[in-house]
Protein backbone atom coordinates (compact mmCIF):
# COMPACT_ATOMS: atom_id res chain seq x y z
CA MET A 1 7.04 0.41 4.54
CA PRO A 2 7.95 -1.26 1.24
CA GLU A 3 4.99 -3.41 0.19
CA LEU A 4 4.71 -6.18 -2.38
CA PRO A 5 5.18 -3.98 -5.50
CA GLU A 6 8.27 -2.36 -3.99
CA VAL A 7 9.76 -5.73 -3.03
CA GLU A 8 8.97 -7.18 -6.46
CA THR A 9 10.51 -4.10 -8.08
CA SER A 10 13.65 -4.67 -6.00
CA ARG A 11 13.71 -8.34 -7.00
CA ARG A 12 13.47 -7.54 -10.69
CA GLY A 13 16.14 -4.87 -10.35
CA ILE A 14 18.76 -7.03 -8.66
CA GLU A 15 18.04 -10.37 -10.36
CA PRO A 16 19.98 -9.76 -13.61
CA HIS A 17 23.05 -8.67 -11.63
CA LEU A 18 23.04 -11.57 -9.17
CA VAL A 19 21.84 -14.75 -10.90
CA GLY A 20 24.88 -16.70 -12.08
CA ASN A 21 27.19 -14.29 -10.31
CA VAL A 22 29.32 -15.31 -7.33
CA ILE A 23 29.22 -13.72 -3.89
CA GLN A 24 32.85 -13.39 -2.88
CA TYR A 25 32.00 -12.29 0.64
CA ALA A 26 29.56 -10.25 2.72
CA GLU A 27 30.56 -7.10 4.53
CA VAL A 28 28.27 -6.49 7.51
CA ARG A 29 28.87 -3.10 9.11
CA ASN A 30 25.92 -3.28 11.52
CA SER A 31 24.38 -6.65 12.35
CA ARG A 32 21.77 -5.18 14.71
CA LEU A 33 18.71 -5.14 12.48
CA ARG A 34 15.23 -6.35 13.48
CA TRP A 35 16.96 -9.65 14.20
CA PRO A 36 20.75 -10.04 14.22
CA VAL A 37 22.23 -10.69 10.77
CA SER A 38 22.80 -14.43 10.46
CA GLY A 39 26.35 -15.56 11.17
CA LYS A 40 26.15 -17.83 8.11
CA ILE A 41 25.76 -14.73 5.92
CA MET A 42 28.81 -13.13 7.51
CA GLN A 43 30.83 -16.24 6.62
CA LEU A 44 29.79 -16.44 2.94
CA SER A 45 32.65 -17.17 0.55
CA ASP A 46 32.56 -17.87 -3.20
CA CYS A 47 28.85 -18.74 -3.34
CA ARG A 48 27.03 -18.69 -6.68
CA VAL A 49 23.55 -17.17 -6.77
CA ILE A 50 21.15 -19.63 -8.39
CA SER A 51 17.95 -17.56 -8.33
CA VAL A 52 16.35 -14.46 -6.83
CA GLN A 53 12.77 -15.10 -5.74
CA ARG A 54 10.08 -13.39 -3.66
CA ARG A 55 7.60 -14.74 -1.13
CA ALA A 56 5.24 -12.12 0.30
CA LYS A 57 7.53 -9.20 1.25
CA TYR A 58 10.62 -11.38 1.59
CA LEU A 59 13.39 -11.57 -1.01
CA LEU A 60 14.93 -15.02 -1.34
CA LEU A 61 18.46 -15.45 -2.70
CA GLU A 62 18.99 -19.11 -3.54
CA LEU A 63 22.54 -20.43 -3.08
CA ALA A 64 23.80 -23.98 -3.45
CA ASP A 65 23.60 -24.78 0.26
CA GLY A 66 20.77 -22.54 1.45
CA TRP A 67 18.88 -19.27 1.19
CA ILE A 68 19.52 -15.66 2.16
CA ILE A 69 16.17 -14.21 3.25
CA ILE A 70 15.90 -10.43 3.16
CA HIS A 71 13.10 -8.24 4.51
CA LEU A 72 13.24 -4.50 3.83
CA GLY A 73 11.43 -3.58 7.04
CA MET A 74 10.11 -0.04 7.36
CA SER A 75 12.80 1.86 5.47
CA GLY A 76 15.12 -0.62 3.77
CA SER A 77 16.27 -0.55 0.15
CA LEU A 78 18.69 -2.46 -2.06
CA ARG A 79 20.95 -0.94 -4.68
CA ILE A 80 23.31 -2.39 -7.23
CA LEU A 81 26.58 -0.47 -7.28
CA LEU A 82 28.67 -0.90 -10.41
CA GLU A 83 31.80 0.12 -8.53
CA GLU A 84 32.87 0.40 -4.91
CA LEU A 85 31.58 3.55 -3.23
CA PRO A 86 32.29 4.55 0.38
CA PRO A 87 29.43 3.41 2.63
CA GLU A 88 27.27 5.99 4.34
CA LYS A 89 25.82 5.90 7.86
CA HIS A 90 22.84 3.64 7.14
CA ASP A 91 24.53 1.26 4.65
CA HIS A 92 24.59 -1.84 6.81
CA VAL A 93 25.24 -4.82 4.51
CA ASP A 94 27.15 -5.31 1.23
CA LEU A 95 27.38 -8.43 -0.89
CA ILE A 96 30.62 -8.19 -2.86
CA MET A 97 30.25 -9.96 -6.20
CA ALA A 98 32.98 -11.55 -8.30
CA ASP A 99 32.41 -9.18 -11.23
CA GLY A 100 33.01 -6.11 -9.05
CA LYS A 101 29.37 -5.20 -8.49
CA ILE A 102 28.03 -4.69 -4.98
CA LEU A 103 24.55 -5.33 -3.61
CA ARG A 104 24.18 -2.68 -0.89
CA TYR A 105 21.47 -2.74 1.78
CA THR A 106 20.49 0.60 3.31
CA ASP A 107 18.11 0.83 6.26
CA PRO A 108 17.88 4.02 8.38
CA ARG A 109 15.45 2.53 10.90
CA ARG A 110 17.03 -0.95 11.02
CA PHE A 111 13.70 -2.82 11.07
CA GLY A 112 14.71 -5.05 8.17
CA ALA A 113 16.27 -8.48 8.33
CA TRP A 114 18.99 -10.63 6.74
CA LEU A 115 18.34 -14.24 7.68
CA TRP A 116 19.64 -17.63 6.61
CA SER A 117 17.78 -20.89 6.12
CA ASP A 118 19.11 -24.20 4.86
CA THR A 119 15.71 -24.91 3.26
CA LEU A 120 12.61 -22.76 2.83
CA ASP A 121 10.50 -25.45 4.50
CA GLU A 122 12.41 -24.86 7.72
CA CYS A 123 12.07 -21.05 7.64
CA SER A 124 9.69 -19.92 10.38
CA VAL A 125 9.08 -16.44 8.93
CA LEU A 126 7.63 -18.00 5.76
CA ALA A 127 5.36 -20.45 7.56
CA HIS A 128 1.59 -19.90 7.67
CA LEU A 129 1.55 -17.34 4.86
CA GLY A 130 -1.53 -16.98 2.69
CA PRO A 131 -1.58 -17.12 -1.12
CA GLU A 132 0.24 -14.67 -3.36
CA PRO A 133 -2.25 -12.05 -4.60
CA LEU A 134 -1.01 -12.31 -8.19
CA SER A 135 -1.35 -16.09 -8.26
CA ASP A 136 -4.29 -18.17 -9.49
CA LEU A 137 -4.89 -19.29 -5.88
CA PHE A 138 -6.16 -15.81 -5.04
CA ASP A 139 -9.49 -14.94 -6.66
CA GLY A 140 -13.01 -13.84 -5.85
CA LYS A 141 -14.19 -17.32 -4.94
CA TYR A 142 -11.36 -17.67 -2.42
CA LEU A 143 -12.10 -14.26 -0.87
CA TYR A 144 -15.84 -14.86 -0.67
CA THR A 145 -15.48 -18.32 0.89
CA LEU A 146 -12.99 -17.05 3.48
CA SER A 147 -15.10 -14.00 4.33
CA ARG A 148 -18.14 -15.88 5.61
CA ASN A 149 -18.89 -15.31 9.32
CA LYS A 150 -15.97 -12.87 9.71
CA LYS A 151 -17.01 -9.77 11.68
CA THR A 152 -13.77 -7.77 11.54
CA ALA A 153 -13.46 -4.75 9.26
CA ILE A 154 -12.59 -5.49 5.65
CA LYS A 155 -9.42 -3.41 5.38
CA PRO A 156 -7.34 -4.89 8.25
CA TRP A 157 -8.56 -8.34 7.18
CA LEU A 158 -7.07 -7.79 3.72
CA MET A 159 -3.76 -6.86 5.37
CA ASP A 160 -3.59 -10.15 7.30
CA ASN A 161 -0.81 -12.24 5.74
CA LYS A 162 -2.71 -15.40 6.61
CA VAL A 163 -5.52 -14.23 4.29
CA VAL A 164 -3.33 -12.98 1.44
CA VAL A 165 0.28 -11.83 1.47
CA GLY A 166 1.64 -8.46 0.46
CA VAL A 167 -1.51 -6.32 0.41
CA GLY A 168 -0.16 -3.62 2.70
CA ASN A 169 -1.72 -0.38 3.85
CA ILE A 170 -1.26 1.64 0.65
CA TYR A 171 -2.73 -0.95 -1.67
CA ALA A 172 -5.56 -2.04 0.62
CA ASN A 173 -6.73 1.59 0.73
CA GLU A 174 -6.47 1.99 -3.03
CA ALA A 175 -8.10 -1.34 -3.92
CA LEU A 176 -11.10 -0.71 -1.67
CA PHE A 177 -11.59 2.72 -3.20
CA VAL A 178 -11.47 1.43 -6.78
CA ALA A 179 -13.83 -1.43 -5.84
CA HIS A 180 -16.23 1.08 -4.17
CA ILE A 181 -16.13 -0.78 -0.82
CA LEU A 182 -16.00 1.05 2.52
CA PRO A 183 -13.01 -0.20 4.54
CA GLU A 184 -15.05 -0.14 7.78
CA ARG A 185 -17.61 -2.70 6.62
CA PRO A 186 -17.56 -6.13 8.29
CA VAL A 187 -15.96 -8.79 6.16
CA HIS A 188 -19.05 -10.99 6.10
CA SER A 189 -21.01 -8.21 4.35
CA LEU A 190 -19.04 -8.78 1.13
CA THR A 191 -21.28 -10.06 -1.62
CA GLU A 192 -19.98 -12.65 -4.03
CA GLN A 193 -19.90 -10.01 -6.78
CA GLU A 194 -17.96 -7.61 -4.56
CA ALA A 195 -15.46 -10.34 -3.64
CA HIS A 196 -14.72 -11.02 -7.31
CA LEU A 197 -14.40 -7.30 -8.05
CA LEU A 198 -12.11 -6.77 -5.05
CA ALA A 199 -9.80 -9.67 -5.95
CA ASP A 200 -9.54 -8.45 -9.55
CA THR A 201 -8.91 -4.88 -8.39
CA ILE A 202 -6.13 -5.91 -6.02
CA LYS A 203 -4.39 -7.74 -8.87
CA GLN A 204 -4.77 -4.77 -11.24
CA ILE A 205 -3.46 -2.22 -8.75
CA LEU A 206 -0.49 -4.34 -7.69
CA ARG A 207 0.47 -5.01 -11.32
CA ARG A 208 0.16 -1.32 -12.18
CA SER A 209 2.32 -0.35 -9.23
CA ILE A 210 4.98 -2.88 -10.24
CA GLU A 211 4.96 -1.38 -13.74
CA GLN A 212 5.58 2.04 -12.16
CA GLY A 213 8.44 0.79 -9.97
CA GLY A 214 6.38 0.80 -6.76
CA THR A 215 5.41 3.71 -4.54
CA THR A 216 7.96 6.07 -3.01
CA LEU A 217 6.54 8.10 -0.14
CA LYS A 218 9.73 8.59 1.86
CA ASP A 219 12.55 6.02 1.90
CA PHE A 220 11.98 3.45 -0.84
CA LEU A 221 14.29 3.52 -3.86
CA GLN A 222 14.60 1.09 -6.74
CA SER A 223 17.84 -0.84 -7.18
CA ASP A 224 19.11 1.85 -9.57
CA GLY A 225 18.48 4.59 -6.99
CA LYS A 226 15.33 5.95 -8.66
CA PRO A 227 12.02 6.39 -6.78
CA GLY A 228 8.85 4.46 -7.53
CA TYR A 229 6.33 6.46 -9.52
CA PHE A 230 3.01 4.90 -8.49
CA ALA A 231 2.61 7.63 -5.82
CA GLN A 232 1.46 9.90 -8.64
CA GLU A 233 -1.51 7.60 -9.30
CA LEU A 234 -2.84 7.23 -5.75
CA PHE A 235 -6.54 8.02 -5.34
CA VAL A 236 -6.97 8.18 -1.56
CA TYR A 237 -3.89 7.11 0.38
CA GLY A 238 -2.44 10.05 2.30
CA LYS A 239 -5.04 12.45 0.90
CA LYS A 240 -7.14 13.25 3.97
CA GLY A 241 -9.07 16.49 3.45
CA GLU A 242 -8.37 16.62 -0.28
CA CYS A 243 -11.18 16.44 -2.82
CA CYS A 244 -11.98 13.01 -4.24
CA SER A 245 -10.90 12.90 -7.88
CA ILE A 246 -14.15 11.11 -8.79
CA CYS A 247 -16.93 12.96 -6.94
CA GLY A 248 -15.28 15.99 -5.37
CA GLU A 249 -16.19 15.12 -1.77
CA LYS A 250 -13.52 15.31 0.94
CA ILE A 251 -11.36 12.24 1.56
CA GLU A 252 -11.82 11.02 5.14
CA SER A 253 -9.41 9.16 7.41
CA VAL A 254 -9.88 6.84 10.39
CA LYS A 255 -7.72 4.33 12.24
CA LEU A 256 -8.47 0.68 11.56
CA GLY A 257 -6.21 -1.93 13.09
CA GLN A 258 -3.97 0.96 14.24
CA ARG A 259 -3.31 1.93 10.61
CA SER A 260 -4.41 5.12 8.88
CA THR A 261 -7.27 4.37 6.52
CA PHE A 262 -8.40 6.70 3.74
CA PHE A 263 -11.69 6.60 1.85
CA CYS A 264 -14.45 8.57 0.16
CA ARG A 265 -17.83 8.02 1.82
CA GLN A 266 -19.60 9.15 -1.34
CA CYS A 267 -17.88 6.70 -3.69
CA GLN A 268 -17.51 3.75 -1.32
CA HIS A 269 -20.41 1.87 0.23
């Protein structure tokens, strides 16, 4: 599933082609995504794009009278086409721009979403979200304060969007490894020092992944069709049975919160 770095990479890739440009119309070939594509999107005509923003894993296209809200789901990707190309089987939505470019949405599993909201305050999918991990609101003090009396395991807690948005499975695994924290530990066992280290590590790893264009494991592609290269820098994710690059012990894997969790018992405590 595309996580925060992949969504931010997509945002940065499409922003220069969309902001100030005009959507002539939308071509929806399959409206049956996670939720049906909004009828308002299907009726778009001559709408200027004011900004392209991101909240958590949602892309937000600001128009004069509302917002297109896009979620990439499990397998979605966005590409900018410089000329019209015949759509393939899983190319479900196109935004046709006035300068001839096309924003094409591809989603083999159709778990993504194209929604409309007149205002972001009225958008239910954005309600109750925690702070952005790259913002000043997210730091060690925040993590430590929130962790008191919590008995759940640390890793699924980090993936709770009410705690912090966008720290998905890949980056929770990697951040806990770099911070030397076992993902199975109860949240309340975090020391204040560990909370500060973990918050800083999450920021560093997310920023590094964004620099590398995100992580491509299967479906994700950048807006220019290239993969994300952060997969080459992963320490533990997807490496069960391989030797830890730090100590040489075998990487282990368990299920936490129904998600595969990878760690080194020698390096993490």
